[in-house]
Amino acid sequence: MDDSEAKSAGPIEPTSDLSEIAAQSAASNLLDVAAQLAGLAEDLKALAARPIEPIPTSADPDAF
C-alpha cells in the first residue's frame, strides 16, 4: 500500500476506541435480546392464562 492508499483508508482507530465501539455494540445487542425475551415472556404469560382444551381423537367415542 502506498501513501495515497493509506491516506484514503482513513486514520487508524486507537485500540481503546475500538474496544469502546465493541462494548457499545455488545450492549446494544444485549438490549435487543432482552427486549425480545420480554416480549416472549408476555406471550407465554398470555398462553398460560388460556385453558387447555383436549383435542378429540378417533379413539374418543364422544368425538363423533
Protein backbone atom coordinates (compact mmCIF):
# COMPACT_ATOMS: atom_id res chain seq x y z
CA MET A 1 0.00 0.00 0.00
CA ASP A 2 1.45 3.37 -0.96
CA ASP A 3 0.91 6.67 0.89
CA SER A 4 -2.15 7.68 -1.17
CA GLU A 5 -3.89 4.41 -0.31
CA ALA A 6 -3.06 4.79 3.35
CA LYS A 7 -4.49 8.32 3.42
CA SER A 8 -7.71 7.26 1.69
CA ALA A 9 -8.18 4.43 4.17
CA GLY A 10 -8.59 7.00 6.95
CA PRO A 11 -6.96 7.24 10.31
CA ILE A 12 -6.29 4.10 12.29
CA GLU A 13 -8.57 3.88 15.32
CA PRO A 14 -6.76 3.51 18.63
CA THR A 15 -7.41 0.22 20.39
CA SER A 16 -9.33 1.91 23.19
CA ASP A 17 -11.78 3.43 20.66
CA LEU A 18 -12.31 0.04 19.03
CA SER A 19 -12.88 -1.52 22.43
CA GLU A 20 -15.45 1.17 23.23
CA ILE A 21 -17.23 0.59 19.92
CA ALA A 22 -17.27 -3.17 20.54
CA ALA A 23 -18.63 -2.65 24.06
CA GLN A 24 -21.39 -0.34 22.80
CA SER A 25 -22.31 -2.81 20.06
CA ALA A 26 -22.44 -5.69 22.54
CA ALA A 27 -24.58 -3.64 24.94
CA SER A 28 -26.95 -2.73 22.13
CA ASN A 29 -27.25 -6.37 21.07
CA LEU A 30 -27.93 -7.42 24.67
CA LEU A 31 -30.67 -4.81 24.95
CA ASP A 32 -32.26 -6.12 21.75
CA VAL A 33 -32.17 -9.69 23.08
CA ALA A 34 -33.61 -8.55 26.43
CA ALA A 35 -36.47 -6.80 24.65
CA GLN A 36 -37.21 -9.91 22.59
CA LEU A 37 -37.17 -12.08 25.73
CA ALA A 38 -39.54 -9.67 27.48
CA GLY A 39 -41.93 -9.94 24.54
CA LEU A 40 -41.67 -13.72 24.60
CA ALA A 41 -42.38 -13.73 28.34
CA GLU A 42 -45.54 -11.70 27.74
CA ASP A 43 -46.65 -14.12 25.02
CA LEU A 44 -46.03 -17.10 27.29
CA LYS A 45 -47.92 -15.44 30.12
CA ALA A 46 -50.91 -14.91 27.80
CA LEU A 47 -50.77 -18.53 26.65
CA ALA A 48 -50.55 -19.78 30.23
CA ALA A 49 -53.75 -17.91 31.09
CA ARG A 50 -55.73 -19.80 28.43
CA PRO A 51 -57.33 -23.11 29.40
CA ILE A 52 -56.01 -26.24 27.76
CA GLU A 53 -58.72 -27.95 25.73
CA PRO A 54 -58.30 -31.61 24.84
CA ILE A 55 -58.12 -32.47 21.16
CA PRO A 56 -60.58 -35.25 20.29
CA THR A 57 -59.05 -38.34 18.76
CA SER A 58 -60.65 -41.09 16.71
CA ALA A 59 -60.44 -43.37 19.79
CA ASP A 60 -62.59 -40.91 21.74
CA PRO A 61 -66.27 -42.03 21.40
CA ASP A 62 -67.54 -38.51 22.22
CA ALA A 63 -65.71 -37.08 19.22
CA PHE A 64 -68.44 -38.12 16.80
